[in-house]
C-alpha atoms as a PDB file:
ATOM      1  CA  GLU A   1     -14.559  38.310  37.919  1.00  0.00           C
ATOM      2  CA  HIS A   2     -13.409  35.388  35.744  1.00  0.00           C
ATOM      3  CA  LEU A   3     -10.331  35.857  33.586  1.00  0.00           C
ATOM      4  CA  ILE A   4     -11.023  33.243  31.034  1.00  0.00           C
ATOM      5  CA  MET A   5     -10.735  35.752  27.976  1.00  0.00           C
ATOM      6  CA  LYS A   6      -7.157  36.652  28.889  1.00  0.00           C
ATOM      7  CA  THR A   7      -3.794  34.830  29.408  1.00  0.00           C
ATOM      8  CA  TRP A   8      -3.137  34.431  33.145  1.00  0.00           C
ATOM      9  CA  ASN A   9       0.182  35.236  34.532  1.00  0.00           C
ATOM     10  CA  VAL A  10       1.109  32.536  37.027  1.00  0.00           C
ATOM     11  CA  SER A  11       4.060  32.522  39.331  1.00  0.00           C
ATOM     12  CA  VAL A  12       5.317  29.476  41.232  1.00  0.00           C
ATOM     13  CA  VAL A  13       7.037  29.709  44.761  1.00  0.00           C
ATOM     14  CA  GLY A  14       9.302  26.746  45.573  1.00  0.00           C
ATOM     15  CA  ALA A  15      10.011  26.151  42.032  1.00  0.00           C
ATOM     16  CA  SER A  16      13.147  23.976  42.422  1.00  0.00           C
ATOM     17  CA  GLY A  17      11.157  21.391  44.473  1.00  0.00           C
ATOM     18  CA  TYR A  18       9.427  18.486  42.995  1.00  0.00           C
ATOM     19  CA  THR A  19       5.847  19.873  43.139  1.00  0.00           C
ATOM     20  CA  GLY A  20       6.940  23.315  41.925  1.00  0.00           C
ATOM     21  CA  LEU A  21       8.831  21.721  39.035  1.00  0.00           C
ATOM     22  CA  GLU A  22       5.799  19.677  38.112  1.00  0.00           C
ATOM     23  CA  THR A  23       3.536  22.729  38.250  1.00  0.00           C
ATOM     24  CA  ILE A  24       5.911  24.567  35.793  1.00  0.00           C
ATOM     25  CA  ARG A  25       5.884  21.585  33.506  1.00  0.00           C
ATOM     26  CA  LEU A  26       2.110  21.556  33.368  1.00  0.00           C
ATOM     27  CA  LEU A  27       1.843  25.426  33.095  1.00  0.00           C
ATOM     28  CA  VAL A  28       3.888  25.289  29.909  1.00  0.00           C
ATOM     29  CA  SER A  29       1.312  23.527  27.898  1.00  0.00           C
ATOM     30  CA  HIS A  30      -1.698  25.279  29.475  1.00  0.00           C
ATOM     31  CA  PRO A  31      -3.972  27.027  26.950  1.00  0.00           C
ATOM     32  CA  HIS A  32      -4.709  30.115  29.145  1.00  0.00           C
ATOM     33  CA  ALA A  33      -1.539  30.370  31.496  1.00  0.00           C
ATOM     34  CA  ARG A  34       1.866  32.013  30.965  1.00  0.00           C
ATOM     35  CA  LEU A  35       4.685  31.205  33.406  1.00  0.00           C
ATOM     36  CA  ASN A  36       5.437  34.647  34.833  1.00  0.00           C
ATOM     37  CA  ARG A  37       8.056  34.270  37.718  1.00  0.00           C
ATOM     38  CA  ILE A  38       9.554  31.365  39.609  1.00  0.00           C
ATOM     39  CA  TYR A  39      11.045  31.721  43.245  1.00  0.00           C
ATOM     40  CA  SER A  40      13.324  29.697  45.442  1.00  0.00           C
ATOM     41  CA  ASP A  41      15.551  31.212  48.173  1.00  0.00           C
ATOM     42  CA  SER A  42      17.908  28.116  48.178  1.00  0.00           C
ATOM     43  CA  THR A  43      18.645  28.300  44.439  1.00  0.00           C
ATOM     44  CA  ALA A  44      17.983  31.893  43.631  1.00  0.00           C
ATOM     45  CA  GLY A  45      20.157  33.293  40.767  1.00  0.00           C
ATOM     46  CA  GLN A  46      20.297  29.977  39.019  1.00  0.00           C
ATOM     47  CA  SER A  47      18.260  29.026  35.864  1.00  0.00           C
ATOM     48  CA  LEU A  48      15.925  26.099  36.195  1.00  0.00           C
ATOM     49  CA  ALA A  49      18.022  24.355  33.455  1.00  0.00           C
ATOM     50  CA  ASP A  50      21.169  24.777  35.740  1.00  0.00           C
ATOM     51  CA  LEU A  51      19.255  22.460  38.201  1.00  0.00           C
ATOM     52  CA  TYR A  52      17.347  20.317  35.759  1.00  0.00           C
ATOM     53  CA  PRO A  53      19.123  20.139  32.372  1.00  0.00           C
ATOM     54  CA  GLY A  54      16.038  18.741  30.796  1.00  0.00           C
ATOM     55  CA  MET A  55      14.401  22.249  31.150  1.00  0.00           C
ATOM     56  CA  ALA A  56      16.993  23.845  28.772  1.00  0.00           C
ATOM     57  CA  GLU A  57      15.216  25.656  25.912  1.00  0.00           C
ATOM     58  CA  VAL A  58      11.945  25.049  27.467  1.00  0.00           C
ATOM     59  CA  ILE A  59      12.006  27.142  30.672  1.00  0.00           C
ATOM     60  CA  PRO A  60      14.418  30.214  30.403  1.00  0.00           C
ATOM     61  CA  HIS A  61      13.389  31.668  33.764  1.00  0.00           C
ATOM     62  CA  THR A  62      15.959  32.523  36.437  1.00  0.00           C
ATOM     63  CA  LEU A  63      14.978  31.460  40.101  1.00  0.00           C
ATOM     64  CA  LEU A  64      14.290  34.685  42.083  1.00  0.00           C
ATOM     65  CA  PRO A  65      14.689  35.152  45.748  1.00  0.00           C
ATOM     66  CA  MET A  66      11.546  35.255  47.916  1.00  0.00           C
ATOM     67  CA  ASP A  67      12.121  39.050  48.737  1.00  0.00           C
ATOM     68  CA  GLU A  68      11.097  39.827  45.089  1.00  0.00           C
ATOM     69  CA  LEU A  69       7.510  38.453  45.781  1.00  0.00           C
ATOM     70  CA  ASP A  70       6.810  41.862  47.186  1.00  0.00           C
ATOM     71  CA  SER A  71       6.559  43.213  43.526  1.00  0.00           C
ATOM     72  CA  ASP A  72       4.759  40.156  41.999  1.00  0.00           C
ATOM     73  CA  ASP A  73       1.488  41.075  40.307  1.00  0.00           C
ATOM     74  CA  SER A  74       0.667  37.759  38.780  1.00  0.00           C
ATOM     75  CA  ASP A  75      -3.025  36.662  38.524  1.00  0.00           C
ATOM     76  CA  VAL A  76      -2.173  33.445  40.418  1.00  0.00           C
ATOM     77  CA  ILE A  77       0.691  32.447  42.669  1.00  0.00           C
ATOM     78  CA  ILE A  78       1.044  28.750  43.312  1.00  0.00           C
ATOM     79  CA  ILE A  79       3.100  27.797  46.420  1.00  0.00           C
ATOM     80  CA  GLY A  80       5.086  24.540  46.622  1.00  0.00           C
ATOM     81  CA  LEU A  81       7.125  24.979  49.944  1.00  0.00           C
ATOM     82  CA  PRO A  82       7.806  22.458  52.587  1.00  0.00           C
ATOM     83  CA  HIS A  83       5.006  22.018  55.296  1.00  0.00           C
ATOM     84  CA  GLY A  84       5.061  24.831  57.966  1.00  0.00           C
ATOM     85  CA  VAL A  85       6.815  27.291  55.687  1.00  0.00           C
ATOM     86  CA  SER A  86       4.208  28.710  53.303  1.00  0.00           C
ATOM     87  CA  ALA A  87       1.987  30.295  56.014  1.00  0.00           C
ATOM     88  CA  ALA A  88       4.607  33.110  56.500  1.00  0.00           C
ATOM     89  CA  VAL A  89       4.718  33.659  52.710  1.00  0.00           C
ATOM     90  CA  VAL A  90       0.937  33.845  52.420  1.00  0.00           C
ATOM     91  CA  HIS A  91       0.945  36.179  55.428  1.00  0.00           C
ATOM     92  CA  ARG A  92       3.444  38.416  53.782  1.00  0.00           C
ATOM     93  CA  LEU A  93       1.542  38.482  50.462  1.00  0.00           C
ATOM     94  CA  LEU A  94      -1.703  39.412  52.061  1.00  0.00           C
ATOM     95  CA  ASN A  95      -0.096  42.058  54.247  1.00  0.00           C
ATOM     96  CA  ARG A  96       1.194  43.913  51.270  1.00  0.00           C
ATOM     97  CA  GLU A  97      -2.298  43.643  49.669  1.00  0.00           C
ATOM     98  CA  TYR A  98      -1.527  41.183  46.890  1.00  0.00           C
ATOM     99  CA  GLU A  99      -4.938  40.989  45.121  1.00  0.00           C
ATOM    100  CA  GLY A 100      -4.491  37.768  42.877  1.00  0.00           C
ATOM    101  CA  ARG A 101      -5.333  34.211  43.620  1.00  0.00           C
ATOM    102  CA  ILE A 102      -3.096  31.950  45.831  1.00  0.00           C
ATOM    103  CA  ILE A 103      -3.013  28.181  45.793  1.00  0.00           C
ATOM    104  CA  ASP A 104      -0.987  26.480  48.534  1.00  0.00           C
ATOM    105  CA  MET A 105       0.177  22.918  47.715  1.00  0.00           C
ATOM    106  CA  GLY A 106       1.437  22.477  51.293  1.00  0.00           C
ATOM    107  CA  SER A 107      -0.435  21.523  54.416  1.00  0.00           C
ATOM    108  CA  ASP A 108      -0.532  24.948  56.078  1.00  0.00           C
ATOM    109  CA  PHE A 109      -4.017  25.896  55.435  1.00  0.00           C
ATOM    110  CA  ARG A 110      -5.823  22.438  54.947  1.00  0.00           C
ATOM    111  CA  LEU A 111      -7.012  22.230  58.483  1.00  0.00           C
ATOM    112  CA  LYS A 112      -9.691  24.721  59.734  1.00  0.00           C
ATOM    113  CA  LYS A 113      -8.923  24.533  63.486  1.00  0.00           C
ATOM    114  CA  PRO A 114      -5.394  25.658  64.799  1.00  0.00           C
ATOM    115  CA  GLU A 115      -5.256  22.892  67.433  1.00  0.00           C
ATOM    116  CA  LEU A 116      -5.427  20.220  64.688  1.00  0.00           C
ATOM    117  CA  TYR A 117      -2.003  21.378  63.654  1.00  0.00           C
ATOM    118  CA  ASP A 118      -0.635  20.471  67.116  1.00  0.00           C
ATOM    119  CA  LEU A 119      -2.504  17.204  66.890  1.00  0.00           C
ATOM    120  CA  TYR A 120      -1.433  15.987  63.417  1.00  0.00           C
ATOM    121  CA  TYR A 121       1.702  17.997  62.614  1.00  0.00           C
ATOM    122  CA  GLY A 122       3.184  18.490  66.042  1.00  0.00           C
ATOM    123  CA  TYR A 123       3.671  22.315  65.742  1.00  0.00           C
ATOM    124  CA  ALA A 124       1.578  25.386  66.618  1.00  0.00           C
ATOM    125  CA  HIS A 125       0.280  27.280  63.504  1.00  0.00           C
ATOM    126  CA  GLN A 126       1.992  30.713  63.203  1.00  0.00           C
ATOM    127  CA  HIS A 127      -0.828  32.498  61.330  1.00  0.00           C
ATOM    128  CA  SER A 128      -4.036  30.737  62.451  1.00  0.00           C
ATOM    129  CA  ASP A 129      -6.035  33.885  61.835  1.00  0.00           C
ATOM    130  CA  LEU A 130      -5.743  32.956  58.164  1.00  0.00           C
ATOM    131  CA  LEU A 131      -7.091  29.423  58.348  1.00  0.00           C
ATOM    132  CA  GLY A 132     -10.649  30.596  57.727  1.00  0.00           C
ATOM    133  CA  LEU A 133      -9.864  32.446  54.683  1.00  0.00           C
ATOM    134  CA  PHE A 134      -8.953  29.355  52.512  1.00  0.00           C
ATOM    135  CA  GLU A 135     -11.116  26.912  50.830  1.00  0.00           C
ATOM    136  CA  TYR A 136     -10.223  23.251  50.755  1.00  0.00           C
ATOM    137  CA  GLY A 137      -9.515  22.479  47.062  1.00  0.00           C
ATOM    138  CA  LEU A 138     -10.776  19.046  46.449  1.00  0.00           C
ATOM    139  CA  PRO A 139     -12.545  19.870  43.177  1.00  0.00           C
ATOM    140  CA  GLU A 140     -14.689  16.612  42.986  1.00  0.00           C
ATOM    141  CA  PHE A 141     -16.403  17.673  46.201  1.00  0.00           C
ATOM    142  CA  TYR A 142     -15.776  21.283  46.709  1.00  0.00           C
ATOM    143  CA  GLY A 143     -15.694  22.611  43.100  1.00  0.00           C
ATOM    144  CA  ASP A 144     -18.499  25.110  43.716  1.00  0.00           C
ATOM    145  CA  ASP A 145     -16.629  26.581  46.701  1.00  0.00           C
ATOM    146  CA  VAL A 146     -13.390  26.690  44.787  1.00  0.00           C
ATOM    147  CA  LYS A 147     -15.059  28.623  41.926  1.00  0.00           C
ATOM    148  CA  LYS A 148     -15.730  31.480  44.298  1.00  0.00           C
ATOM    149  CA  ALA A 149     -12.355  31.431  46.203  1.00  0.00           C
ATOM    150  CA  ARG A 150      -9.485  33.586  46.148  1.00  0.00           C
ATOM    151  CA  LEU A 151      -7.291  31.455  48.397  1.00  0.00           C
ATOM    152  CA  VAL A 152      -7.202  27.719  48.041  1.00  0.00           C
ATOM    153  CA  ALA A 153      -5.513  24.904  50.086  1.00  0.00           C
ATOM    154  CA  ASN A 154      -4.683  21.922  47.983  1.00  0.00           C
ATOM    155  CA  PRO A 155      -5.342  18.568  49.742  1.00  0.00           C
ATOM    156  CA  GLY A 156      -2.657  16.033  50.571  1.00  0.00           C
ATOM    157  CA  CYS A 157      -1.861  13.280  48.200  1.00  0.00           C
ATOM    158  CA  PHE A 158      -2.978  10.375  50.518  1.00  0.00           C
ATOM    159  CA  ALA A 159      -5.872  12.421  51.757  1.00  0.00           C
ATOM    160  CA  THR A 160      -7.159  12.927  48.068  1.00  0.00           C
ATOM    161  CA  ALA A 161      -6.957   9.200  47.432  1.00  0.00           C
ATOM    162  CA  MET A 162      -8.793   8.275  50.621  1.00  0.00           C
ATOM    163  CA  GLN A 163     -11.520  10.922  50.122  1.00  0.00           C
ATOM    164  CA  LEU A 164     -12.171   9.895  46.533  1.00  0.00           C
ATOM    165  CA  ALA A 165     -12.724   6.384  47.718  1.00  0.00           C
ATOM    166  CA  ILE A 166     -14.529   6.872  51.072  1.00  0.00           C
ATOM    167  CA  TRP A 167     -16.765   9.974  50.621  1.00  0.00           C
ATOM    168  CA  PRO A 168     -19.242   8.327  48.295  1.00  0.00           C
ATOM    169  CA  LEU A 169     -19.553   5.319  50.648  1.00  0.00           C
ATOM    170  CA  VAL A 170     -19.912   7.477  53.928  1.00  0.00           C
ATOM    171  CA  ASN A 171     -22.387   9.709  52.039  1.00  0.00           C
ATOM    172  CA  HIS A 172     -24.579   6.566  51.371  1.00  0.00           C
ATOM    173  CA  SER A 173     -23.995   5.187  54.969  1.00  0.00           C
ATOM    174  CA  ILE A 174     -22.485   2.110  53.412  1.00  0.00           C
ATOM    175  CA  SER A 175     -20.035   1.673  56.230  1.00  0.00           C
ATOM    176  CA  ARG A 176     -18.346   3.280  59.153  1.00  0.00           C
ATOM    177  CA  GLU A 177     -15.214   1.353  59.227  1.00  0.00           C
ATOM    178  CA  PHE A 178     -12.401   1.353  56.615  1.00  0.00           C
ATOM    179  CA  THR A 179      -9.068  -0.433  56.380  1.00  0.00           C
ATOM    180  CA  VAL A 180      -6.745   1.423  54.189  1.00  0.00           C
ATOM    181  CA  THR A 181      -3.409   0.592  52.697  1.00  0.00           C
ATOM    182  CA  GLY A 182      -1.774   3.109  50.547  1.00  0.00           C
ATOM    183  CA  ILE A 183       1.590   2.687  48.744  1.00  0.00           C
ATOM    184  CA  THR A 184       3.411   5.913  47.633  1.00  0.00           C
ATOM    185  CA  GLY A 185       6.439   6.768  45.449  1.00  0.00           C
ATOM    186  CA  SER A 186       9.652   8.272  46.793  1.00  0.00           C
ATOM    187  CA  SER A 187       8.788  11.601  45.105  1.00  0.00           C
ATOM    188  CA  GLY A 188       6.113  12.018  47.742  1.00  0.00           C
ATOM    189  CA  SER A 189       8.869  12.804  50.281  1.00  0.00           C
ATOM    190  CA  GLY A 190      10.125  15.760  48.326  1.00  0.00           C
ATOM    191  CA  ALA A 191      13.414  16.734  46.684  1.00  0.00           C
ATOM    192  CA  LYS A 192      15.486  16.792  49.911  1.00  0.00           C
ATOM    193  CA  ALA A 193      17.180  13.368  50.421  1.00  0.00           C
ATOM    194  CA  SER A 194      16.589  11.385  53.544  1.00  0.00           C
ATOM    195  CA  LYS A 195      17.287   7.889  54.895  1.00  0.00           C
ATOM    196  CA  THR A 196      13.918   6.590  53.787  1.00  0.00           C
ATOM    197  CA  THR A 197      14.294   8.022  50.241  1.00  0.00           C
ATOM    198  CA  HIS A 198      17.864   6.978  49.634  1.00  0.00           C
ATOM    199  CA  TYR A 199      18.103   4.643  46.681  1.00  0.00           C
ATOM    200  CA  SER A 200      19.518   1.774  48.745  1.00  0.00           C
ATOM    201  CA  SER A 201      16.691   2.023  51.291  1.00  0.00           C
ATOM    202  CA  ARG A 202      13.966   2.334  48.732  1.00  0.00           C
ATOM    203  CA  PHE A 203      14.852   0.097  45.776  1.00  0.00           C
ATOM    204  CA  GLY A 204      13.465  -3.397  46.038  1.00  0.00           C
ATOM    205  CA  ASN A 205      11.957  -2.518  49.425  1.00  0.00           C
ATOM    206  CA  VAL A 206       8.573  -2.048  50.906  1.00  0.00           C
ATOM    207  CA  SER A 207       8.085  -0.370  54.340  1.00  0.00           C
ATOM    208  CA  ALA A 208       5.244   0.922  56.327  1.00  0.00           C
ATOM    209  CA  TYR A 209       5.376   4.093  58.363  1.00  0.00           C
ATOM    210  CA  LYS A 210       3.247   6.291  60.520  1.00  0.00           C
ATOM    211  CA  ILE A 211       0.844   3.377  60.998  1.00  0.00           C
ATOM    212  CA  PHE A 212      -2.649   4.724  62.185  1.00  0.00           C
ATOM    213  CA  GLU A 213      -1.312   8.208  62.701  1.00  0.00           C
ATOM    214  CA  HIS A 214      -0.549   9.791  59.312  1.00  0.00           C
ATOM    215  CA  GLN A 215      -1.038  13.550  59.312  1.00  0.00           C
ATOM    216  CA  HIS A 216      -3.392  13.432  56.306  1.00  0.00           C
ATOM    217  CA  LEU A 217      -6.058  11.747  58.462  1.00  0.00           C
ATOM    218  CA  GLY A 218      -6.816  15.111  59.899  1.00  0.00           C
ATOM    219  CA  GLU A 219      -8.132  16.579  56.721  1.00  0.00           C
ATOM    220  CA  VAL A 220      -9.809  13.487  55.737  1.00  0.00           C
ATOM    221  CA  TYR A 221     -11.972  13.379  58.992  1.00  0.00           C
ATOM    222  CA  GLN A 222     -12.507  17.174  58.606  1.00  0.00           C
ATOM    223  CA  SER A 223     -14.102  16.647  55.225  1.00  0.00           C
ATOM    224  CA  LEU A 224     -16.000  13.548  56.014  1.00  0.00           C
ATOM    225  CA  GLU A 225     -17.858  15.385  58.725  1.00  0.00           C
ATOM    226  CA  GLN A 226     -19.512  17.049  55.867  1.00  0.00           C
ATOM    227  CA  ALA A 227     -20.744  13.818  54.302  1.00  0.00           C
ATOM    228  CA  SER A 228     -21.922  12.178  57.416  1.00  0.00           C
ATOM    229  CA  ALA A 229     -22.864  13.086  61.021  1.00  0.00           C
ATOM    230  CA  ASN A 230     -21.319   9.673  61.990  1.00  0.00           C
ATOM    231  CA  LYS A 231     -17.485   9.989  62.058  1.00  0.00           C
ATOM    232  CA  PRO A 232     -16.015   6.829  60.367  1.00  0.00           C
ATOM    233  CA  ASP A 233     -13.117   4.818  61.716  1.00  0.00           C
ATOM    234  CA  ILE A 234     -10.263   4.856  59.220  1.00  0.00           C
ATOM    235  CA  HIS A 235      -7.348   2.415  59.981  1.00  0.00           C
ATOM    236  CA  PHE A 236      -4.648   3.793  57.555  1.00  0.00           C
ATOM    237  CA  ILE A 237      -1.371   1.963  56.838  1.00  0.00           C
ATOM    238  CA  PRO A 238       0.926   4.150  54.701  1.00  0.00           C
ATOM    239  CA  VAL A 239       3.567   2.323  52.680  1.00  0.00           C
ATOM    240  CA  SER A 240       6.792   3.482  50.927  1.00  0.00           C
ATOM    241  CA  GLY A 241       7.045   1.828  47.654  1.00  0.00           C
ATOM    242  CA  PRO A 242      10.102   1.051  45.322  1.00  0.00           C
ATOM    243  CA  PHE A 243       9.055   3.547  42.634  1.00  0.00           C
ATOM    244  CA  VAL A 244       9.262   7.304  42.088  1.00  0.00           C
ATOM    245  CA  ARG A 245       5.802   8.414  41.111  1.00  0.00           C
ATOM    246  CA  GLY A 246       2.373   7.308  42.050  1.00  0.00           C
ATOM    247  CA  ILE A 247      -0.106   6.315  44.792  1.00  0.00           C
ATOM    248  CA  TRP A 248      -1.872   2.859  44.786  1.00  0.00           C
ATOM    249  CA  MET A 249      -4.469   2.582  47.438  1.00  0.00           C
ATOM    250  CA  ASN A 250      -6.988   0.041  48.489  1.00  0.00           C
ATOM    251  CA  ILE A 251      -9.900   0.474  51.004  1.00  0.00           C
ATOM    252  CA  VAL A 252     -11.519  -2.543  52.456  1.00  0.00           C
ATOM    253  CA  PHE A 253     -14.875  -2.455  54.323  1.00  0.00           C
ATOM    254  CA  PRO A 254     -17.990  -4.368  55.285  1.00  0.00           C
ATOM    255  CA  CYS A 255     -21.132  -3.690  53.391  1.00  0.00           C
ATOM    256  CA  ASP A 256     -24.582  -5.178  52.709  1.00  0.00           C
ATOM    257  CA  GLU A 257     -24.842  -7.895  50.167  1.00  0.00           C
ATOM    258  CA  ASN A 258     -27.145  -5.892  48.123  1.00  0.00           C
ATOM    259  CA  THR A 259     -24.864  -2.652  48.077  1.00  0.00           C
ATOM    260  CA  ASP A 260     -24.715  -1.313  44.525  1.00  0.00           C
ATOM    261  CA  LEU A 261     -21.168   0.093  44.230  1.00  0.00           C
ATOM    262  CA  ASP A 262     -21.511   0.708  40.453  1.00  0.00           C
ATOM    263  CA  THR A 263     -24.299   3.153  40.940  1.00  0.00           C
ATOM    264  CA  ILE A 264     -22.708   4.742  44.082  1.00  0.00           C
ATOM    265  CA  PHE A 265     -19.428   5.676  42.229  1.00  0.00           C
ATOM    266  CA  THR A 266     -20.699   6.359  38.752  1.00  0.00           C
ATOM    267  CA  THR A 267     -23.337   8.741  40.256  1.00  0.00           C
ATOM    268  CA  ALA A 268     -20.823  10.406  42.510  1.00  0.00           C
ATOM    269  CA  TYR A 269     -18.342  11.160  39.682  1.00  0.00           C
ATOM    270  CA  ASP A 270     -20.735  11.695  36.824  1.00  0.00           C
ATOM    271  CA  ASP A 271     -19.538  15.370  36.293  1.00  0.00           C
ATOM    272  CA  CYS A 272     -15.903  14.831  37.253  1.00  0.00           C
ATOM    273  CA  PRO A 273     -13.641  14.907  34.162  1.00  0.00           C
ATOM    274  CA  MET A 274     -10.425  13.858  35.907  1.00  0.00           C
ATOM    275  CA  VAL A 275     -11.933  10.693  37.468  1.00  0.00           C
ATOM    276  CA  ARG A 276     -11.987   7.471  35.415  1.00  0.00           C
ATOM    277  CA  PHE A 277     -13.483   4.062  36.216  1.00  0.00           C
ATOM    278  CA  SER A 278     -11.353   0.984  36.117  1.00  0.00           C
ATOM    279  CA  PRO A 279     -12.714  -2.599  35.625  1.00  0.00           C
ATOM    280  CA  GLY A 280     -11.571  -4.247  38.981  1.00  0.00           C
ATOM    281  CA  MET A 281      -8.666  -2.588  40.686  1.00  0.00           C
ATOM    282  CA  PRO A 282      -6.783   0.168  38.992  1.00  0.00           C
ATOM    283  CA  GLU A 283      -3.055   0.113  37.990  1.00  0.00           C
ATOM    284  CA  LEU A 284      -0.379   2.640  38.585  1.00  0.00           C
ATOM    285  CA  LYS A 285       0.837   2.253  34.879  1.00  0.00           C
ATOM    286  CA  SER A 286      -2.458   3.683  33.692  1.00  0.00           C
ATOM    287  CA  VAL A 287      -2.156   6.893  35.529  1.00  0.00           C
ATOM    288  CA  VAL A 288       1.363   8.016  36.139  1.00  0.00           C
ATOM    289  CA  GLY A 289       2.306  10.992  34.000  1.00  0.00           C
ATOM    290  CA  SER A 290      -1.378  12.013  33.847  1.00  0.00           C
ATOM    291  CA  ALA A 291      -3.832  14.011  35.888  1.00  0.00           C
ATOM    292  CA  TYR A 292      -6.457  11.200  35.967  1.00  0.00           C
ATOM    293  CA  SER A 293      -7.590   9.374  39.053  1.00  0.00           C
ATOM    294  CA  ASP A 294      -8.627   5.713  38.314  1.00  0.00           C
ATOM    295  CA  ILE A 295     -11.107   4.182  40.709  1.00  0.00           C
ATOM    296  CA  GLY A 296     -12.166   0.530  40.733  1.00  0.00           C
ATOM    297  CA  TRP A 297     -14.104  -1.818  42.980  1.00  0.00           C
ATOM    298  CA  ILE A 298     -14.701  -5.503  43.748  1.00  0.00           C
ATOM    299  CA  LYS A 299     -17.453  -6.764  45.991  1.00  0.00           C
ATOM    300  CA  LYS A 300     -17.888 -10.232  47.312  1.00  0.00           C
ATOM    301  CA  GLY A 301     -20.574 -11.216  49.682  1.00  0.00           C
ATOM    302  CA  ASN A 302     -20.487  -8.841  52.679  1.00  0.00           C
ATOM    303  CA  HIS A 303     -17.142  -7.150  51.959  1.00  0.00           C
ATOM    304  CA  ALA A 304     -15.849  -4.980  49.287  1.00  0.00           C
ATOM    305  CA  VAL A 305     -12.621  -3.264  48.297  1.00  0.00           C
ATOM    306  CA  VAL A 306     -12.279  -0.015  46.357  1.00  0.00           C
ATOM    307  CA  GLY A 307      -8.915   0.934  44.725  1.00  0.00           C
ATOM    308  CA  VAL A 308      -7.587   4.259  43.741  1.00  0.00           C
ATOM    309  CA  ALA A 309      -4.573   5.086  41.670  1.00  0.00           C
ATOM    310  CA  PHE A 310      -3.092   8.473  40.577  1.00  0.00           C
ATOM    311  CA  ASP A 311       0.147  10.193  40.113  1.00  0.00           C
ATOM    312  CA  ASN A 312       1.092  11.763  43.470  1.00  0.00           C
ATOM    313  CA  LEU A 313       2.987  14.703  41.854  1.00  0.00           C
ATOM    314  CA  ILE A 314       0.003  15.554  39.556  1.00  0.00           C
ATOM    315  CA  LYS A 315      -3.457  14.800  40.944  1.00  0.00           C
ATOM    316  CA  GLY A 316      -1.765  14.514  44.300  1.00  0.00           C
ATOM    317  CA  ALA A 317      -0.202  18.007  43.953  1.00  0.00           C
ATOM    318  CA  ALA A 318       0.567  20.076  40.972  1.00  0.00           C
ATOM    319  CA  GLY A 319      -2.227  18.817  38.718  1.00  0.00           C
ATOM    320  CA  GLN A 320      -4.760  19.422  41.376  1.00  0.00           C
ATOM    321  CA  ALA A 321      -3.478  22.884  41.864  1.00  0.00           C
ATOM    322  CA  ILE A 322      -3.900  23.504  38.110  1.00  0.00           C
ATOM    323  CA  GLN A 323      -7.446  21.883  38.307  1.00  0.00           C
ATOM    324  CA  ASN A 324      -8.233  24.428  41.195  1.00  0.00           C
ATOM    325  CA  MET A 325      -6.803  27.280  39.235  1.00  0.00           C
ATOM    326  CA  ASN A 326      -9.095  26.515  36.259  1.00  0.00           C
ATOM    327  CA  LEU A 327     -12.169  26.564  38.407  1.00  0.00           C
ATOM    328  CA  MET A 328     -11.051  29.763  40.185  1.00  0.00           C
ATOM    329  CA  LEU A 329     -10.707  31.544  36.907  1.00  0.00           C
ATOM    330  CA  GLY A 330     -13.593  30.272  35.079  1.00  0.00           C
ATOM    331  CA  ALA A 331     -11.946  27.921  32.727  1.00  0.00           C
ATOM    332  CA  SER A 332     -12.850  24.204  31.896  1.00  0.00           C
ATOM    333  CA  GLU A 333     -11.810  22.171  34.847  1.00  0.00           C
ATOM    334  CA  GLU A 334      -9.689  19.897  32.625  1.00  0.00           C
ATOM    335  CA  ASP A 335      -7.673  22.570  30.802  1.00  0.00           C
ATOM    336  CA  GLY A 336      -4.039  21.786  30.466  1.00  0.00           C
ATOM    337  CA  LEU A 337      -4.672  18.442  32.155  1.00  0.00           C
ATOM    338  CA  LEU A 338      -5.687  15.998  29.454  1.00  0.00           C
ATOM    339  CA  THR A 339      -2.064  14.567  28.708  1.00  0.00           C
ATOM    340  CA  PRO A 340      -2.216  10.802  28.389  1.00  0.00           C
ATOM    341  CA  PRO A 341      -0.330   8.737  31.066  1.00  0.00           C
ATOM    342  CA  LEU A 342       3.162   7.587  30.234  1.00  0.00           C
ATOM    343  CA  MET A 343       2.084   3.822  30.196  1.00  0.00           C
ATOM    344  CA  LEU A 344       5.762   2.592  29.961  1.00  0.00           C
END
């Protein structure tokens, strides 16, 4: 049943974190959505404006404790909790027979096999019986599945960027080896401060981390298995950048001299309203504050580079959740997401 003819009630769990806050900001201007309830155990009882004064007069809601989820009857619940935490919340919602849609922005339902959580995240999944119930919500490739889904797992931010660049190449057997560098803003680490997100460590600095073993590789490989029987080799270097918002990624690979990247990418994203093409490599300034993903490419001889840029909090998290929600409820995919980038 599609609910396009009504206003949807949407609740946000983990509302005081960065992805929860960004989800709320996007919902306020959505043509079909009404923010119903917001939850956060750590800040329950406070208003959102107490934590973020800029929300005064915009979001009057008080943050509720998670216990009150038991009486939530929203059409959609969007979860923005730390990795490893949302599985218990989803289990609880399903146990009390919540009938609405659920979109999880964390990592808890992205991988289909329980053993992959041990491999990529270093912990045993506590509710592995639920993994098969979730659809993987990358709209550009799984939009038809998302439309029929009640439970959706939002992809990771780096994983989204890698797949947008690599999927069309693997699908056309262009290459089996990709060297990837992805630079992310500090907001990608969440609201809780740490040594690597501390201003003194981040400002004016660039540092690599989790080289060749970032956890998002698990979901990328899982997806690319559907694009090609030959598993590609992805050599991924994640980098912390000296800025707050955005992911800028480049993917270098060998290719045949006659490879037509223009046709490959324009065909792949012909019906994808949130993907734009950039002449040459894209820039962060062109996407931050928006839900767009900009993709560009440069080819020389037998090698090429593809660039991807988007806002990690929007296309990398909250905006992608809204995009999935639109598909699940029969709206236009881009509803509530066509705000231009900040540019400055």
